[in-house]
């Protein structure tokens, strides 16, 4: 018979849950220099938007919210909803579009503020005007900010069926990409050689075939191109571009590049990704090029988007040209002449859109 002292204690578990609704709004300040005449303490209001069933707006103060922030741009989130009868608990944050993470940003570290009807909280010292005007954020007299909002609707408790067990085994993140990258670098077991210009690259047929249907056809299928010595000749591609392509195939990532080198590599890799049907790489290059659209690069990027069926990138180019300031800057270049020679179809489409 078990004694009272040896009986197993009974346990139970419950949770306090914070139910939340979230969303975001992107605000474009188009013609920043024209807003600088706004007096300190006065704001320009965004169009209203809805998050969690309530109406909100962003207040943009070009010369600061108060005299203490007169040398700054101030941004405030305002609850513009007279139907609110009790204060809302809200977390929010502002950031420049090009400062955003790859994934949706977390607001867990942001403070919780109480919003009533027509009340607002914000960032009086969001950025100093001098810093903004020297930064990468201001392009063609415009910049974008994103406001993320999370509304804590209610707190409630619920019973949980079982308590969490202790973790005795920790599983590290996958390092498969590191092992495959080492395999590419060491060339161990390589069974095919690519000749690109004056350089050669050793690789593994099975890895390439698993990643690209075009490589699969070239190396194993009806399109098999390699000769008896296992050499594949790659035309119309520079060696450093093919090297970056192989790096992506093995590691699912790209080598670190910056500035003009990154723009040029993204353009070349987009073409290569389309050639070898590497859709993820193609989308990565599209996304990078969307951030590189300027008056000087517009024609080349727009032509690439048309020739390689990059619909998102093409929309980004047209959106850039929707600004009169940007259009004027592009007209000062030879962009339209270049498009007429390289891609007349997209020039006709562009002219039709501008005519509207």
Protein backbone atom coordinates (compact mmCIF):
# COMPACT_ATOMS: atom_id res chain seq x y z
CA UNK A 1 0.00 0.00 0.00
CA UNK A 2 1.35 3.45 -0.92
CA UNK A 3 1.82 5.84 1.93
CA UNK A 4 0.61 9.44 1.84
CA UNK A 5 4.19 10.67 1.58
CA UNK A 6 4.92 8.59 -1.55
CA UNK A 7 1.83 9.51 -3.59
CA UNK A 8 2.42 11.50 -6.79
CA UNK A 9 1.25 15.14 -6.47
CA UNK A 10 -1.62 16.22 -8.73
CA UNK A 11 -0.85 19.14 -11.07
CA UNK A 12 -2.92 21.43 -13.25
CA UNK A 13 -2.19 24.31 -15.62
CA UNK A 14 -3.85 27.44 -16.96
CA UNK A 15 -2.82 30.33 -19.23
CA UNK A 16 -3.45 34.07 -19.43
CA UNK A 17 -3.96 34.91 -23.10
CA UNK A 18 -3.64 38.36 -24.68
CA UNK A 19 -5.80 38.32 -27.80
CA UNK A 20 -4.49 40.84 -30.37
CA UNK A 21 -5.31 42.17 -33.84
CA UNK A 22 -2.51 43.56 -35.98
CA UNK A 23 -1.89 45.32 -39.26
CA UNK A 24 0.23 48.00 -40.89
CA UNK A 25 0.03 51.08 -43.10
CA UNK A 26 2.68 52.40 -45.50
CA UNK A 27 2.91 56.17 -45.95
CA UNK A 28 4.82 57.76 -48.82
CA UNK A 29 6.08 61.33 -48.40
CA UNK A 30 6.25 62.34 -52.06
CA UNK A 31 7.89 65.75 -52.48
CA UNK A 32 9.55 66.01 -49.08
CA UNK A 33 11.10 69.42 -49.77
CA UNK A 34 7.63 70.87 -50.37
CA UNK A 35 6.53 69.89 -46.85
CA UNK A 36 9.42 71.63 -45.06
CA UNK A 37 7.53 74.91 -44.88
CA UNK A 38 5.02 73.44 -42.43
CA UNK A 39 5.39 75.22 -39.05
CA UNK A 40 6.63 73.32 -36.00
CA UNK A 41 3.71 71.68 -34.18
CA UNK A 42 1.55 71.37 -37.29
CA UNK A 43 1.07 68.05 -39.05
CA UNK A 44 -0.06 66.63 -42.37
CA UNK A 45 -2.52 63.78 -41.99
CA UNK A 46 -2.42 60.49 -43.90
CA UNK A 47 -5.49 58.89 -45.42
CA UNK A 48 -7.37 56.85 -42.76
CA UNK A 49 -6.78 53.10 -42.52
CA UNK A 50 -8.36 50.31 -40.48
CA UNK A 51 -6.72 47.88 -38.05
CA UNK A 52 -8.68 45.75 -35.58
CA UNK A 53 -11.99 47.26 -36.68
CA UNK A 54 -10.93 50.81 -35.73
CA UNK A 55 -9.94 53.75 -37.90
CA UNK A 56 -6.43 55.21 -37.59
CA UNK A 57 -4.24 57.77 -39.31
CA UNK A 58 -0.61 58.88 -39.26
CA UNK A 59 0.31 62.45 -38.37
CA UNK A 60 3.46 63.64 -40.17
CA UNK A 61 5.21 66.66 -38.59
CA UNK A 62 7.92 67.86 -41.07
CA UNK A 63 9.37 70.30 -38.49
CA UNK A 64 8.77 68.48 -35.25
CA UNK A 65 5.92 67.92 -32.84
CA UNK A 66 7.12 70.59 -30.39
CA UNK A 67 9.94 73.13 -30.14
CA UNK A 68 12.13 70.45 -28.52
CA UNK A 69 11.94 68.37 -31.71
CA UNK A 70 11.93 71.25 -34.18
CA UNK A 71 14.99 69.91 -36.03
CA UNK A 72 13.40 66.48 -36.46
CA UNK A 73 10.68 64.73 -38.42
CA UNK A 74 7.99 63.56 -35.98
CA UNK A 75 5.51 60.74 -36.63
CA UNK A 76 2.43 59.96 -34.54
CA UNK A 77 -0.23 57.27 -34.72
CA UNK A 78 -3.68 58.72 -34.07
CA UNK A 79 -6.94 56.94 -33.28
CA UNK A 80 -9.48 58.68 -35.50
CA UNK A 81 -12.60 56.86 -34.36
CA UNK A 82 -15.35 58.57 -32.36
CA UNK A 83 -17.16 55.28 -31.77
CA UNK A 84 -14.52 54.11 -29.26
CA UNK A 85 -16.07 54.05 -25.79
CA UNK A 86 -13.15 52.66 -23.81
CA UNK A 87 -9.41 53.05 -24.14
CA UNK A 88 -7.57 50.63 -26.44
CA UNK A 89 -4.28 49.03 -25.45
CA UNK A 90 -1.98 49.36 -28.45
CA UNK A 91 1.60 48.60 -29.43
CA UNK A 92 3.03 50.29 -32.52
CA UNK A 93 6.24 51.32 -34.21
CA UNK A 94 7.44 53.33 -37.20
CA UNK A 95 10.29 52.36 -39.52
CA UNK A 96 11.60 53.22 -42.95
CA UNK A 97 10.63 50.66 -45.57
CA UNK A 98 14.28 49.84 -46.35
CA UNK A 99 14.95 49.17 -42.63
CA UNK A 100 12.35 46.39 -42.44
CA UNK A 101 13.26 42.81 -41.67
CA UNK A 102 12.57 40.01 -44.14
CA UNK A 103 9.69 38.80 -41.98
CA UNK A 104 6.88 40.76 -40.36
CA UNK A 105 8.48 42.78 -37.54
CA UNK A 106 7.67 41.81 -33.95
CA UNK A 107 6.09 44.40 -31.66
CA UNK A 108 6.68 42.43 -28.46
CA UNK A 109 9.42 44.81 -27.34
CA UNK A 110 7.29 47.92 -27.90
CA UNK A 111 5.54 49.61 -24.97
CA UNK A 112 1.75 49.38 -24.59
CA UNK A 113 -0.03 52.74 -24.88
CA UNK A 114 -3.62 53.67 -24.13
CA UNK A 115 -5.55 55.16 -27.07
CA UNK A 116 -8.92 56.86 -26.62
CA UNK A 117 -10.98 58.64 -29.28
CA UNK A 118 -8.75 61.13 -31.17
CA UNK A 119 -5.69 60.37 -28.99
CA UNK A 120 -2.24 59.63 -30.36
CA UNK A 121 1.24 58.42 -29.46
CA UNK A 122 4.35 58.60 -31.53
CA UNK A 123 8.00 59.40 -32.18
CA UNK A 124 8.77 63.12 -31.73
CA UNK A 125 12.44 62.48 -32.64
CA UNK A 126 11.88 59.90 -35.40
CA UNK A 127 14.84 61.24 -37.42
CA UNK A 128 16.69 64.54 -37.67
CA UNK A 129 16.00 66.31 -40.94
CA UNK A 130 19.73 66.73 -41.62
CA UNK A 131 20.27 62.98 -41.19
CA UNK A 132 17.26 62.16 -43.40
CA UNK A 133 18.50 64.40 -46.19
CA UNK A 134 21.89 62.63 -46.20
CA UNK A 135 20.46 59.12 -45.87
CA UNK A 136 19.60 56.38 -48.34
CA UNK A 137 15.95 56.66 -47.28
CA UNK A 138 15.38 59.89 -49.22
CA UNK A 139 15.30 59.17 -52.94
CA UNK A 140 14.09 61.59 -55.59
CA UNK A 141 12.69 63.84 -52.85
CA UNK A 142 10.54 61.00 -51.47
CA UNK A 143 10.65 58.43 -48.67
CA UNK A 144 8.43 55.65 -47.30
CA UNK A 145 7.61 54.81 -43.69
CA UNK A 146 5.69 51.84 -42.36
CA UNK A 147 3.58 51.91 -39.20
CA UNK A 148 2.89 48.51 -37.60
CA UNK A 149 -0.02 48.36 -35.16
CA UNK A 150 -1.07 45.62 -32.70
CA UNK A 151 -4.26 46.08 -30.64
CA UNK A 152 -4.62 44.02 -27.48
CA UNK A 153 -8.35 43.38 -27.58
CA UNK A 154 -8.86 41.49 -24.33
CA UNK A 155 -7.20 39.40 -21.66
CA UNK A 156 -8.71 36.07 -20.68
CA UNK A 157 -7.68 32.86 -18.94
CA UNK A 158 -8.04 29.32 -20.17
CA UNK A 159 -7.33 25.90 -18.73
CA UNK A 160 -4.59 23.83 -20.36
CA UNK A 161 -4.82 20.06 -20.56
CA UNK A 162 -1.23 19.32 -19.64
CA UNK A 163 1.84 21.06 -18.35
CA UNK A 164 4.82 21.55 -20.65
CA UNK A 165 7.56 19.00 -20.26
CA UNK A 166 11.14 19.96 -19.58
CA UNK A 167 13.41 20.15 -22.60
CA UNK A 168 16.28 17.72 -22.28
CA UNK A 169 17.39 17.75 -25.92
CA UNK A 170 18.17 20.90 -27.88
CA UNK A 171 18.09 20.63 -31.68
CA UNK A 172 20.42 23.05 -33.50
CA UNK A 173 19.32 24.79 -36.72
CA UNK A 174 19.98 23.03 -39.99
CA UNK A 175 23.55 23.32 -41.29
CA UNK A 176 22.93 21.45 -44.54
CA UNK A 177 23.80 24.55 -46.55
CA UNK A 178 27.21 24.73 -44.83
CA UNK A 179 28.00 21.10 -45.66
CA UNK A 180 26.96 21.53 -49.30
CA UNK A 181 28.95 24.75 -49.52
CA UNK A 182 32.01 22.90 -48.23
CA UNK A 183 31.37 20.17 -50.82
CA UNK A 184 31.37 22.76 -53.62
CA UNK A 185 34.56 24.38 -52.31
CA UNK A 186 36.45 21.11 -51.76
CA UNK A 187 35.28 19.65 -55.11
CA UNK A 188 35.25 16.23 -53.44
CA UNK A 189 33.37 13.73 -55.62
CA UNK A 190 32.77 16.29 -58.39
CA UNK A 191 31.78 14.59 -61.64
CA UNK A 192 31.16 17.45 -64.07
CA UNK A 193 33.21 20.46 -65.17
CA UNK A 194 31.77 23.72 -66.49
CA UNK A 195 33.86 25.89 -68.77
CA UNK A 196 32.81 29.53 -68.56
CA UNK A 197 35.00 31.91 -70.51
CA UNK A 198 38.58 31.18 -69.47
CA UNK A 199 37.64 29.60 -66.13
CA UNK A 200 36.45 26.13 -65.12
CA UNK A 201 34.23 25.05 -62.22
CA UNK A 202 33.85 21.52 -60.84
CA UNK A 203 30.45 20.46 -59.51
CA UNK A 204 28.18 17.50 -58.74
CA UNK A 205 25.56 16.41 -61.27
CA UNK A 206 23.06 15.16 -58.72
CA UNK A 207 23.08 18.38 -56.70
CA UNK A 208 22.58 20.53 -59.79
CA UNK A 209 19.87 18.27 -61.19
CA UNK A 210 17.99 18.29 -57.87
CA UNK A 211 17.96 22.09 -57.80
CA UNK A 212 17.28 22.96 -61.45
CA UNK A 213 15.17 21.16 -64.08
CA UNK A 214 17.34 22.77 -66.77
CA UNK A 215 20.54 21.36 -65.24
CA UNK A 216 18.73 18.01 -64.92
CA UNK A 217 17.91 18.00 -68.63
CA UNK A 218 21.40 19.15 -69.63
CA UNK A 219 23.22 16.59 -67.49
CA UNK A 220 20.89 13.55 -67.55
CA UNK A 221 18.10 14.09 -70.09
CA UNK A 222 17.50 14.51 -73.78
CA UNK A 223 19.36 17.86 -73.76
CA UNK A 224 22.51 16.23 -72.36
CA UNK A 225 25.38 18.56 -73.32
CA UNK A 226 28.47 17.14 -71.61
CA UNK A 227 31.01 15.25 -73.68
CA UNK A 228 32.87 12.12 -72.69
CA UNK A 229 35.23 14.12 -70.50
CA UNK A 230 32.30 15.54 -68.52
CA UNK A 231 32.84 19.16 -69.67
CA UNK A 232 29.90 21.53 -70.22
CA UNK A 233 30.53 24.77 -72.07
CA UNK A 234 28.49 27.74 -70.82
CA UNK A 235 28.15 30.61 -73.30
CA UNK A 236 26.79 34.15 -72.81
CA UNK A 237 27.63 34.32 -69.11
CA UNK A 238 30.55 35.78 -67.18
CA UNK A 239 32.57 33.48 -64.95
CA UNK A 240 31.96 35.42 -61.72
CA UNK A 241 28.19 35.28 -62.35
CA UNK A 242 28.24 31.49 -62.87
CA UNK A 243 30.32 31.15 -59.69
CA UNK A 244 27.65 33.06 -57.73
CA UNK A 245 24.96 30.90 -59.36
CA UNK A 246 26.68 27.71 -58.19
CA UNK A 247 27.07 29.18 -54.70
CA UNK A 248 23.30 29.73 -54.56
CA UNK A 249 22.53 26.25 -55.90
CA UNK A 250 24.56 24.66 -53.10
CA UNK A 251 23.81 27.02 -50.20
CA UNK A 252 20.48 28.71 -51.11
CA UNK A 253 22.14 32.07 -50.40
CA UNK A 254 24.21 34.69 -52.21
CA UNK A 255 27.72 36.00 -51.54
CA UNK A 256 27.90 39.39 -49.79
CA UNK A 257 27.98 42.33 -52.19
CA UNK A 258 27.36 46.06 -51.80
CA UNK A 259 26.69 49.14 -53.87
CA UNK A 260 27.01 49.06 -57.64
CA UNK A 261 28.49 45.55 -57.56
CA UNK A 262 25.30 44.23 -55.95
CA UNK A 263 23.10 45.97 -58.54
CA UNK A 264 25.12 44.58 -61.45
CA UNK A 265 25.27 41.07 -59.97
CA UNK A 266 21.50 41.09 -59.28
CA UNK A 267 20.84 41.96 -62.92
CA UNK A 268 23.15 39.23 -64.25
CA UNK A 269 21.86 36.62 -61.79
CA UNK A 270 18.25 37.40 -62.67
CA UNK A 271 19.05 36.48 -66.28
CA UNK A 272 20.92 33.35 -65.16
CA UNK A 273 18.11 32.32 -62.78
CA UNK A 274 15.59 32.59 -65.61
CA UNK A 275 17.88 30.55 -67.87
CA UNK A 276 18.18 27.69 -65.35
CA UNK A 277 14.63 27.95 -63.98
CA UNK A 278 15.73 28.82 -60.43
CA UNK A 279 12.55 30.60 -59.38
CA UNK A 280 13.59 31.46 -55.82
CA UNK A 281 16.84 33.04 -57.01
CA UNK A 282 14.93 34.97 -59.65
CA UNK A 283 12.55 36.38 -57.03
CA UNK A 284 15.45 37.30 -54.73
CA UNK A 285 17.05 39.26 -57.58
CA UNK A 286 13.73 40.93 -58.40
CA UNK A 287 13.34 42.05 -54.81
CA UNK A 288 16.88 43.43 -54.67
CA UNK A 289 16.40 45.33 -57.93
CA UNK A 290 13.12 46.83 -56.71
CA UNK A 291 15.24 48.69 -54.14
CA UNK A 292 17.73 49.85 -56.78
CA UNK A 293 15.37 51.66 -59.13
CA UNK A 294 16.67 55.16 -59.86
CA UNK A 295 16.58 57.47 -62.86
CA UNK A 296 19.94 56.11 -64.02
CA UNK A 297 18.96 52.42 -63.68
CA UNK A 298 15.27 52.56 -64.65
CA UNK A 299 15.66 51.70 -68.34
CA UNK A 300 17.90 48.67 -67.80
CA UNK A 301 15.79 47.25 -64.96
CA UNK A 302 12.50 47.83 -66.80
CA UNK A 303 13.83 46.12 -69.93
CA UNK A 304 15.00 43.15 -67.83
CA UNK A 305 11.60 42.88 -66.15
CA UNK A 306 9.88 42.69 -69.54
CA UNK A 307 12.33 40.29 -71.18
CA UNK A 308 12.30 37.85 -68.24
CA UNK A 309 8.64 38.10 -67.18
CA UNK A 310 9.26 39.75 -63.80
CA UNK A 311 5.81 41.17 -63.12
CA UNK A 312 6.53 42.52 -59.64
CA UNK A 313 9.69 44.29 -60.78
CA UNK A 314 7.86 45.77 -63.75
CA UNK A 315 5.15 47.15 -61.45
CA UNK A 316 7.85 48.68 -59.24
CA UNK A 317 9.33 50.47 -62.27
CA UNK A 318 5.94 51.84 -63.33
CA UNK A 319 5.26 52.91 -59.74
CA UNK A 320 8.58 54.79 -59.71
CA UNK A 321 7.59 56.62 -62.88
CA UNK A 322 4.19 57.59 -61.44
CA UNK A 323 5.97 60.36 -59.53
CA UNK A 324 6.33 63.55 -61.67
CA UNK A 325 9.72 64.22 -60.01
CA UNK A 326 11.01 60.76 -60.96
CA UNK A 327 9.59 60.97 -64.49
CA UNK A 328 11.32 64.30 -65.05
CA UNK A 329 14.63 62.82 -63.86
CA UNK A 330 14.25 59.82 -66.20
CA UNK A 331 13.43 62.07 -69.16
CA UNK A 332 16.77 63.82 -68.61
CA UNK A 333 18.53 60.50 -69.40
CA UNK A 334 18.57 58.38 -72.56
CA UNK A 335 16.21 55.84 -70.97
CA UNK A 336 13.46 56.10 -73.58
CA UNK A 337 15.96 55.79 -76.43
CA UNK A 338 17.43 52.68 -74.78
CA UNK A 339 13.97 51.13 -74.29
CA UNK A 340 13.02 51.87 -77.88
CA UNK A 341 16.04 49.89 -79.09
CA UNK A 342 16.09 47.06 -76.56
CA UNK A 343 12.44 46.56 -75.66
CA UNK A 344 9.98 48.59 -77.79
CA UNK A 345 6.94 46.68 -76.47
CA UNK A 346 7.42 47.90 -72.91
CA UNK A 347 8.03 51.46 -74.14
CA UNK A 348 4.63 51.41 -75.88
CA UNK A 349 3.00 50.14 -72.68
CA UNK A 350 4.76 52.82 -70.65
CA UNK A 351 3.66 55.60 -73.00
CA UNK A 352 0.06 54.34 -72.81
CA UNK A 353 0.15 54.40 -69.00
CA UNK A 354 1.66 57.89 -68.90
CA UNK A 355 -0.97 59.14 -71.35
CA UNK A 356 -3.67 58.24 -68.83
